[in-house]
C-alpha atoms as a PDB file:
ATOM      1  CA  MET A   1      -0.458 -12.790 -12.103  1.00  0.00           C
ATOM      2  CA  VAL A   2      -3.162 -13.964 -12.536  1.00  0.00           C
ATOM      3  CA  GLU A   3      -5.719 -15.162 -15.868  1.00  0.00           C
ATOM      4  CA  ARG A   4      -7.219 -12.110 -17.230  1.00  0.00           C
ATOM      5  CA  HIS A   5     -11.114 -11.976 -17.973  1.00  0.00           C
ATOM      6  CA  PHE A   6     -12.114  -8.408 -16.901  1.00  0.00           C
ATOM      7  CA  PHE A   7      -9.470  -6.519 -18.194  1.00  0.00           C
ATOM      8  CA  PRO A   8      -6.903  -6.017 -21.193  1.00  0.00           C
ATOM      9  CA  ASP A   9      -3.590  -6.180 -21.611  1.00  0.00           C
ATOM     10  CA  PRO A  10      -2.141  -3.040 -19.504  1.00  0.00           C
ATOM     11  CA  ASP A  11       0.306  -2.744 -21.618  1.00  0.00           C
ATOM     12  CA  GLU A  12      -2.378  -0.798 -23.942  1.00  0.00           C
ATOM     13  CA  ALA A  13      -2.915   1.663 -21.026  1.00  0.00           C
ATOM     14  CA  ASN A  14      -3.808   5.209 -23.182  1.00  0.00           C
ATOM     15  CA  ASP A  15      -1.172   8.276 -22.196  1.00  0.00           C
ATOM     16  CA  ASN A  16      -2.409   8.628 -18.620  1.00  0.00           C
ATOM     17  CA  GLY A  17      -2.368   5.522 -17.686  1.00  0.00           C
ATOM     18  CA  VAL A  18      -6.059   4.165 -18.175  1.00  0.00           C
ATOM     19  CA  VAL A  19      -6.027   0.838 -18.683  1.00  0.00           C
ATOM     20  CA  CYS A  20     -10.193   0.687 -18.922  1.00  0.00           C
ATOM     21  CA  ALA A  21     -13.674   2.095 -17.915  1.00  0.00           C
ATOM     22  CA  GLY A  22     -16.354   0.669 -15.826  1.00  0.00           C
ATOM     23  CA  ALA A  23     -17.599  -2.265 -12.864  1.00  0.00           C
ATOM     24  CA  ALA A  24     -17.150  -1.204  -9.711  1.00  0.00           C
ATOM     25  CA  PRO A  25     -14.674  -2.115  -6.955  1.00  0.00           C
ATOM     26  CA  GLU A  26     -16.238  -5.760  -6.725  1.00  0.00           C
ATOM     27  CA  PRO A  27     -14.113  -8.009  -5.391  1.00  0.00           C
ATOM     28  CA  ALA A  28     -13.167  -9.933  -8.068  1.00  0.00           C
ATOM     29  CA  LEU A  29     -12.364  -7.411 -10.073  1.00  0.00           C
ATOM     30  CA  LEU A  30     -10.332  -6.199  -7.438  1.00  0.00           C
ATOM     31  CA  LYS A  31      -8.589  -9.321  -7.232  1.00  0.00           C
ATOM     32  CA  GLU A  32      -7.692  -9.413 -10.669  1.00  0.00           C
ATOM     33  CA  ALA A  33      -7.031  -6.388 -10.891  1.00  0.00           C
ATOM     34  CA  TYR A  34      -4.172  -6.297  -8.117  1.00  0.00           C
ATOM     35  CA  GLN A  35      -2.719  -9.329  -9.668  1.00  0.00           C
ATOM     36  CA  ASN A  36      -2.159  -7.453 -13.329  1.00  0.00           C
ATOM     37  CA  GLY A  37      -0.405  -4.379 -11.497  1.00  0.00           C
ATOM     38  CA  ILE A  38      -4.106  -2.401 -12.082  1.00  0.00           C
ATOM     39  CA  PHE A  39      -5.594  -0.425  -9.504  1.00  0.00           C
ATOM     40  CA  PRO A  40      -8.974   1.395  -9.637  1.00  0.00           C
ATOM     41  CA  TRP A  41      -8.717   4.819  -8.953  1.00  0.00           C
ATOM     42  CA  PRO A  42     -12.558   6.865  -9.229  1.00  0.00           C
ATOM     43  CA  HIS A  43     -12.484  10.404 -10.609  1.00  0.00           C
ATOM     44  CA  ARG A  44     -15.461  12.867 -10.627  1.00  0.00           C
ATOM     45  CA  GLY A  45     -17.757  12.284 -13.957  1.00  0.00           C
ATOM     46  CA  TYR A  46     -16.338   9.926 -15.288  1.00  0.00           C
ATOM     47  CA  PRO A  47     -16.979   5.758 -14.993  1.00  0.00           C
ATOM     48  CA  LEU A  48     -14.941   3.991 -12.605  1.00  0.00           C
ATOM     49  CA  LEU A  49     -11.606   3.965 -13.797  1.00  0.00           C
ATOM     50  CA  TRP A  50      -8.804   1.493 -13.291  1.00  0.00           C
ATOM     51  CA  PHE A  51      -4.942   2.555 -13.874  1.00  0.00           C
ATOM     52  CA  SER A  52      -1.465   0.676 -14.768  1.00  0.00           C
ATOM     53  CA  PRO A  53       0.749   3.635 -15.111  1.00  0.00           C
ATOM     54  CA  ASP A  54       4.201   4.415 -16.818  1.00  0.00           C
ATOM     55  CA  PRO A  55       6.174   4.573 -14.894  1.00  0.00           C
ATOM     56  CA  ARG A  56       5.335   3.378 -11.925  1.00  0.00           C
ATOM     57  CA  PHE A  57       6.088   4.302  -7.982  1.00  0.00           C
ATOM     58  CA  VAL A  58       7.784   1.837  -5.685  1.00  0.00           C
ATOM     59  CA  LEU A  59       9.179   0.945  -3.142  1.00  0.00           C
ATOM     60  CA  THR A  60      11.737  -1.711  -1.812  1.00  0.00           C
ATOM     61  CA  PRO A  61      11.300  -2.093   1.738  1.00  0.00           C
ATOM     62  CA  ARG A  62      14.815  -3.898   2.286  1.00  0.00           C
ATOM     63  CA  GLU A  63      15.774  -0.904  -0.298  1.00  0.00           C
ATOM     64  CA  ALA A  64      13.903   2.037   2.449  1.00  0.00           C
ATOM     65  CA  HIS A  65      15.746   3.989   4.248  1.00  0.00           C
ATOM     66  CA  LEU A  66      14.368   6.246   7.392  1.00  0.00           C
ATOM     67  CA  HIS A  67      15.710   9.980   8.325  1.00  0.00           C
ATOM     68  CA  ARG A  68      17.923  10.513  11.523  1.00  0.00           C
ATOM     69  CA  SER A  69      14.895  12.462  13.332  1.00  0.00           C
ATOM     70  CA  LEU A  70      12.165   9.724  11.849  1.00  0.00           C
ATOM     71  CA  ARG A  71      14.788   6.958  13.312  1.00  0.00           C
ATOM     72  CA  LYS A  72      14.337   9.191  17.153  1.00  0.00           C
ATOM     73  CA  ALA A  73      10.802   9.853  16.812  1.00  0.00           C
ATOM     74  CA  MET A  74      10.154   5.803  16.468  1.00  0.00           C
ATOM     75  CA  ARG A  75      12.621   4.745  19.518  1.00  0.00           C
ATOM     76  CA  LYS A  76      10.377   7.381  21.983  1.00  0.00           C
ATOM     77  CA  THR A  77       7.540   7.421  20.193  1.00  0.00           C
ATOM     78  CA  THR A  78       4.662   5.502  22.370  1.00  0.00           C
ATOM     79  CA  LEU A  79       2.428   4.938  20.187  1.00  0.00           C
ATOM     80  CA  THR A  80       1.423   1.359  19.353  1.00  0.00           C
ATOM     81  CA  ILE A  81       1.163  -0.063  15.857  1.00  0.00           C
ATOM     82  CA  LYS A  82      -1.171  -3.085  15.560  1.00  0.00           C
ATOM     83  CA  ALA A  83      -2.495  -4.202  12.330  1.00  0.00           C
ATOM     84  CA  ASP A  84      -6.392  -5.534  11.500  1.00  0.00           C
ATOM     85  CA  THR A  85      -7.814  -4.415  14.491  1.00  0.00           C
ATOM     86  CA  ALA A  86      -9.732  -0.889  13.074  1.00  0.00           C
ATOM     87  CA  PHE A  87     -10.385  -1.329   8.972  1.00  0.00           C
ATOM     88  CA  VAL A  88     -13.325   0.018   8.366  1.00  0.00           C
ATOM     89  CA  ASP A  89     -12.748   3.018  10.543  1.00  0.00           C
ATOM     90  CA  VAL A  90      -8.873   3.313   8.905  1.00  0.00           C
ATOM     91  CA  ILE A  91     -10.365   3.571   5.119  1.00  0.00           C
ATOM     92  CA  ALA A  92     -12.851   5.929   6.561  1.00  0.00           C
ATOM     93  CA  GLN A  93     -10.427   8.119   8.621  1.00  0.00           C
ATOM     94  CA  CYS A  94      -7.968   8.158   4.796  1.00  0.00           C
ATOM     95  CA  GLY A  95     -11.498   8.967   3.401  1.00  0.00           C
ATOM     96  CA  LYS A  96     -12.073  12.258   5.421  1.00  0.00           C
ATOM     97  CA  SER A  97      -8.163  13.304   4.435  1.00  0.00           C
ATOM     98  CA  LYS A  98      -8.174  15.993   2.153  1.00  0.00           C
ATOM     99  CA  ARG A  99      -4.852  15.618   0.218  1.00  0.00           C
ATOM    100  CA  PRO A 100      -5.059  17.648  -3.411  1.00  0.00           C
ATOM    101  CA  GLY A 101      -3.570  15.956  -5.594  1.00  0.00           C
ATOM    102  CA  GLN A 102      -3.941  12.355  -3.797  1.00  0.00           C
ATOM    103  CA  ARG A 103      -6.324   9.562  -4.154  1.00  0.00           C
ATOM    104  CA  GLY A 104      -7.585   9.295  -0.296  1.00  0.00           C
ATOM    105  CA  THR A 105      -9.862  12.119  -0.932  1.00  0.00           C
ATOM    106  CA  TRP A 106     -11.806   9.493  -3.257  1.00  0.00           C
ATOM    107  CA  ILE A 107     -12.895   7.264  -1.467  1.00  0.00           C
ATOM    108  CA  THR A 108     -16.223   6.476  -2.159  1.00  0.00           C
ATOM    109  CA  PRO A 109     -18.897   4.216  -0.481  1.00  0.00           C
ATOM    110  CA  ALA A 110     -18.447   1.641  -3.252  1.00  0.00           C
ATOM    111  CA  MET A 111     -14.539   2.069  -2.596  1.00  0.00           C
ATOM    112  CA  ILE A 112     -15.043   1.017   0.644  1.00  0.00           C
ATOM    113  CA  ALA A 113     -17.138  -1.680   0.351  1.00  0.00           C
ATOM    114  CA  GLY A 114     -15.228  -3.697  -1.939  1.00  0.00           C
ATOM    115  CA  TYR A 115     -12.157  -2.927   0.080  1.00  0.00           C
ATOM    116  CA  THR A 116     -13.564  -4.530   3.093  1.00  0.00           C
ATOM    117  CA  ALA A 117     -14.840  -6.986   1.015  1.00  0.00           C
ATOM    118  CA  LEU A 118     -11.253  -7.735   0.623  1.00  0.00           C
ATOM    119  CA  HIS A 119     -10.786  -7.191   4.093  1.00  0.00           C
ATOM    120  CA  HIS A 120     -12.726  -9.783   5.126  1.00  0.00           C
ATOM    121  CA  GLU A 121     -11.137 -12.063   3.153  1.00  0.00           C
ATOM    122  CA  GLY A 122      -7.812 -11.832   4.416  1.00  0.00           C
ATOM    123  CA  LEU A 123      -5.976  -9.892   1.608  1.00  0.00           C
ATOM    124  CA  ALA A 124      -6.345  -6.116   2.764  1.00  0.00           C
ATOM    125  CA  HIS A 125      -5.472  -4.887   5.192  1.00  0.00           C
ATOM    126  CA  SER A 126      -5.066  -1.501   7.912  1.00  0.00           C
ATOM    127  CA  ILE A 127      -2.107  -0.553   9.670  1.00  0.00           C
ATOM    128  CA  GLU A 128      -2.738   1.590  12.605  1.00  0.00           C
ATOM    129  CA  ALA A 129      -1.531   4.433  15.057  1.00  0.00           C
ATOM    130  CA  TRP A 130      -2.901   3.609  18.630  1.00  0.00           C
ATOM    131  CA  ASP A 131      -2.394   6.620  21.437  1.00  0.00           C
ATOM    132  CA  GLY A 132      -3.477   4.406  23.968  1.00  0.00           C
ATOM    133  CA  ASP A 133      -7.137   3.904  23.012  1.00  0.00           C
ATOM    134  CA  GLN A 134      -6.990   6.422  20.335  1.00  0.00           C
ATOM    135  CA  LEU A 135      -6.768   6.080  16.370  1.00  0.00           C
ATOM    136  CA  VAL A 136      -4.157   8.252  15.571  1.00  0.00           C
ATOM    137  CA  GLY A 137      -2.964   7.558  12.228  1.00  0.00           C
ATOM    138  CA  GLY A 138      -3.008   4.670  10.032  1.00  0.00           C
ATOM    139  CA  LEU A 139      -2.698   3.117   6.535  1.00  0.00           C
ATOM    140  CA  TYR A 140      -4.397   0.238   4.850  1.00  0.00           C
ATOM    141  CA  GLY A 141      -3.741  -1.903   1.335  1.00  0.00           C
ATOM    142  CA  VAL A 142      -3.881  -4.794  -0.519  1.00  0.00           C
ATOM    143  CA  SER A 143      -1.446  -7.541  -0.579  1.00  0.00           C
ATOM    144  CA  PHE A 144      -0.938 -10.620  -2.992  1.00  0.00           C
ATOM    145  CA  GLY A 145       1.949 -13.222  -2.755  1.00  0.00           C
ATOM    146  CA  SER A 146       5.472 -10.945  -1.592  1.00  0.00           C
ATOM    147  CA  VAL A 147       3.636  -7.587  -2.508  1.00  0.00           C
ATOM    148  CA  PHE A 148       2.045  -4.391  -0.291  1.00  0.00           C
ATOM    149  CA  PHE A 149      -0.090  -2.322  -2.757  1.00  0.00           C
ATOM    150  CA  GLY A 150      -0.174   0.861  -0.610  1.00  0.00           C
ATOM    151  CA  GLU A 151      -3.793   2.475  -1.082  1.00  0.00           C
ATOM    152  CA  SER A 152      -3.856   5.505   1.303  1.00  0.00           C
ATOM    153  CA  MET A 153      -2.937   6.569   4.814  1.00  0.00           C
ATOM    154  CA  PHE A 154      -4.088   9.186   7.175  1.00  0.00           C
ATOM    155  CA  THR A 155      -2.611  11.823  10.220  1.00  0.00           C
ATOM    156  CA  LYS A 156      -3.818  12.965  13.316  1.00  0.00           C
ATOM    157  CA  ILE A 157      -0.914  13.538  15.172  1.00  0.00           C
ATOM    158  CA  GLU A 158       3.265  14.083  14.431  1.00  0.00           C
ATOM    159  CA  ASP A 159       4.714  11.739  12.918  1.00  0.00           C
ATOM    160  CA  ALA A 160       1.815   8.535  13.289  1.00  0.00           C
ATOM    161  CA  SER A 161       1.278   7.947   9.459  1.00  0.00           C
ATOM    162  CA  LYS A 162       5.548   8.257   8.985  1.00  0.00           C
ATOM    163  CA  ILE A 163       5.713   5.581  12.493  1.00  0.00           C
ATOM    164  CA  THR A 164       2.782   3.954  10.886  1.00  0.00           C
ATOM    165  CA  PHE A 165       4.468   2.680   7.625  1.00  0.00           C
ATOM    166  CA  ALA A 166       8.271   2.746   8.860  1.00  0.00           C
ATOM    167  CA  THR A 167       6.950  -0.175  11.438  1.00  0.00           C
ATOM    168  CA  LEU A 168       5.008  -1.409   8.311  1.00  0.00           C
ATOM    169  CA  LEU A 169       7.925  -2.252   6.652  1.00  0.00           C
ATOM    170  CA  ALA A 170      10.036  -3.397   8.967  1.00  0.00           C
ATOM    171  CA  ASN A 171       7.881  -5.817   9.096  1.00  0.00           C
ATOM    172  CA  LEU A 172       7.209  -6.324   5.177  1.00  0.00           C
ATOM    173  CA  MET A 173      11.350  -6.955   5.720  1.00  0.00           C
ATOM    174  CA  ARG A 174      10.453  -9.794   8.010  1.00  0.00           C
ATOM    175  CA  TRP A 175       7.747 -11.499   6.464  1.00  0.00           C
ATOM    176  CA  ARG A 176       9.974 -11.585   3.218  1.00  0.00           C
ATOM    177  CA  PHE A 177       7.781  -8.644   1.192  1.00  0.00           C
ATOM    178  CA  ASP A 178       9.867  -7.868  -1.910  1.00  0.00           C
ATOM    179  CA  LEU A 179       7.957  -4.863  -3.286  1.00  0.00           C
ATOM    180  CA  VAL A 180       5.001  -2.172  -1.785  1.00  0.00           C
ATOM    181  CA  ASP A 181       3.311  -0.398  -4.696  1.00  0.00           C
ATOM    182  CA  CYS A 182       3.397   3.121  -3.852  1.00  0.00           C
ATOM    183  CA  GLN A 183       1.236   3.795  -7.434  1.00  0.00           C
ATOM    184  CA  ALA A 184       1.725   7.307  -7.739  1.00  0.00           C
ATOM    185  CA  HIS A 185       5.011   9.838  -6.770  1.00  0.00           C
ATOM    186  CA  THR A 186       4.201  11.094  -3.107  1.00  0.00           C
ATOM    187  CA  GLY A 187       7.106  13.153  -1.621  1.00  0.00           C
ATOM    188  CA  HIS A 188       6.205  11.396   1.487  1.00  0.00           C
ATOM    189  CA  LEU A 189       7.321   8.117  -0.126  1.00  0.00           C
ATOM    190  CA  GLU A 190      10.056   9.502  -1.890  1.00  0.00           C
ATOM    191  CA  ARG A 191      11.421  10.691   0.900  1.00  0.00           C
ATOM    192  CA  PHE A 192      11.383   6.640   1.797  1.00  0.00           C
ATOM    193  CA  GLY A 193      13.285   5.727  -1.177  1.00  0.00           C
ATOM    194  CA  ALA A 194      10.590   5.242  -3.178  1.00  0.00           C
ATOM    195  CA  VAL A 195      11.358   5.574  -7.013  1.00  0.00           C
ATOM    196  CA  HIS A 196      10.005   5.358 -10.633  1.00  0.00           C
ATOM    197  CA  TRP A 197       9.747   2.259 -11.986  1.00  0.00           C
ATOM    198  CA  PRO A 198       9.039   1.839 -16.118  1.00  0.00           C
ATOM    199  CA  ARG A 199       5.972  -0.243 -15.921  1.00  0.00           C
ATOM    200  CA  ARG A 200       7.180  -3.115 -17.407  1.00  0.00           C
ATOM    201  CA  ARG A 201       9.343  -3.646 -15.069  1.00  0.00           C
ATOM    202  CA  PHE A 202       7.062  -3.736 -12.563  1.00  0.00           C
ATOM    203  CA  LEU A 203       4.932  -6.030 -14.838  1.00  0.00           C
ATOM    204  CA  ASP A 204       8.114  -8.431 -15.047  1.00  0.00           C
ATOM    205  CA  VAL A 205       8.708  -7.993 -11.216  1.00  0.00           C
ATOM    206  CA  LEU A 206       5.490  -8.527  -9.970  1.00  0.00           C
ATOM    207  CA  ALA A 207       5.123 -11.420 -12.127  1.00  0.00           C
ATOM    208  CA  LEU A 208       7.688 -13.094  -9.881  1.00  0.00           C
ATOM    209  CA  CYS A 209       5.989 -12.320  -6.168  1.00  0.00           C
ATOM    210  CA  MET A 210       2.937 -13.485  -7.664  1.00  0.00           C
ATOM    211  CA  LYS A 211       4.591 -16.886  -6.999  1.00  0.00           C
ATOM    212  CA  ALA A 212       4.991 -16.354  -3.655  1.00  0.00           C
ATOM    213  CA  PRO A 213       2.339 -17.728  -1.013  1.00  0.00           C
ATOM    214  CA  THR A 214       0.141 -14.911   0.236  1.00  0.00           C
ATOM    215  CA  ARG A 215       0.241 -13.966   3.581  1.00  0.00           C
ATOM    216  CA  LEU A 216      -3.173 -13.113   4.759  1.00  0.00           C
ATOM    217  CA  GLY A 217      -5.248 -12.182   7.470  1.00  0.00           C
ATOM    218  CA  PRO A 218      -5.368 -10.885   9.864  1.00  0.00           C
ATOM    219  CA  TRP A 219      -2.062 -10.035  10.102  1.00  0.00           C
ATOM    220  CA  GLU A 220       0.135  -9.338  13.469  1.00  0.00           C
ATOM    221  CA  MET A 221       2.791  -6.768  14.267  1.00  0.00           C
ATOM    222  CA  GLU A 222       5.606  -8.777  14.971  1.00  0.00           C
ATOM    223  CA  LEU A 223       7.688  -5.347  15.531  1.00  0.00           C
ATOM    224  CA  GLN A 224       6.886  -2.109  17.208  1.00  0.00           C
ATOM    225  CA  PRO A 225       8.646   1.603  16.086  1.00  0.00           C
ATOM    226  CA  ALA A 226      11.834   1.085  18.639  1.00  0.00           C
ATOM    227  CA  ALA A 227      13.237  -1.801  17.287  1.00  0.00           C
ATOM    228  CA  ALA A 228      11.719  -1.593  13.372  1.00  0.00           C
ATOM    229  CA  SER A 229      14.197   1.540  13.545  1.00  0.00           C
ATOM    230  CA  SER A 230      17.202  -0.261  13.855  1.00  0.00           C
ATOM    231  CA  ILE A 231      16.150  -2.213  11.032  1.00  0.00           C
ATOM    232  CA  VAL A 232      14.259  -0.631   8.152  1.00  0.00           C
ATOM    233  CA  GLY A 233      17.851   1.473   6.294  1.00  0.00           C
ATOM    234  CA  ALA A 234      19.875  -1.096   7.828  1.00  0.00           C
ATOM    235  CA  ALA A 235      20.016  -4.330   6.318  1.00  0.00           C
ATOM    236  CA  PRO A 236      22.180  -4.417   3.364  1.00  0.00           C
ATOM    237  CA  ALA A 237      20.341  -4.175  -0.313  1.00  0.00           C
ATOM    238  CA  SER A 238      18.483  -7.240  -1.636  1.00  0.00           C
ATOM    239  CA  THR A 239      19.193  -8.585  -4.980  1.00  0.00           C
ATOM    240  CA  GLY A 240      15.850 -10.331  -4.249  1.00  0.00           C
ATOM    241  CA  ARG A 241      13.693 -10.971  -7.021  1.00  0.00           C
ATOM    242  CA  GLY A 242      13.162  -6.940  -7.632  1.00  0.00           C
END
């Protein structure tokens, strides 16, 4: 992990996981935050809140699994999965998605500006589902070391976001990523095999993962859904750094 200048020790978070409040999601703060297990989550009526929850919801790519129906859909889909070709469109669509209890609806202009700046540095990525020339689903997140920090996703057609995420998992496996940080529980990600870790375990593993080189963008998907469907959930569990 990187040296902390702005943020307190994440182990000092309160019972709600709040580490501190204030400032703006500027690139330097975002980089320090993610590499120390902290992320911003705007709440209306409050200064910007920075979180390190306990427990932490995480997914190990090599331990992920796919339901049979999704594997079948991936083999048959005509969608093309791309990366980093429409970052601003993806984050904007995520911000428009109305999902009670999920963070996508709190994607403010300041958040968009901060993550777009990280994207220009090759540190924030969009993974996109294309039906011809139509963007029909996608997700975005941040990557440092061997960790992908997922932020939000959207879908316009059935299974588009699931196929996008599963295809990303297969590519992360190929690139030897150790962890996907899902941050907070969702049933969608639980079905892929995401589980809760105590914060201390997450921070310890994160520190090890930060020693791996960061794969800078723009990314290019090396595997498409059909190939990804035979990889995710098929590889033996890896002890890895996680």
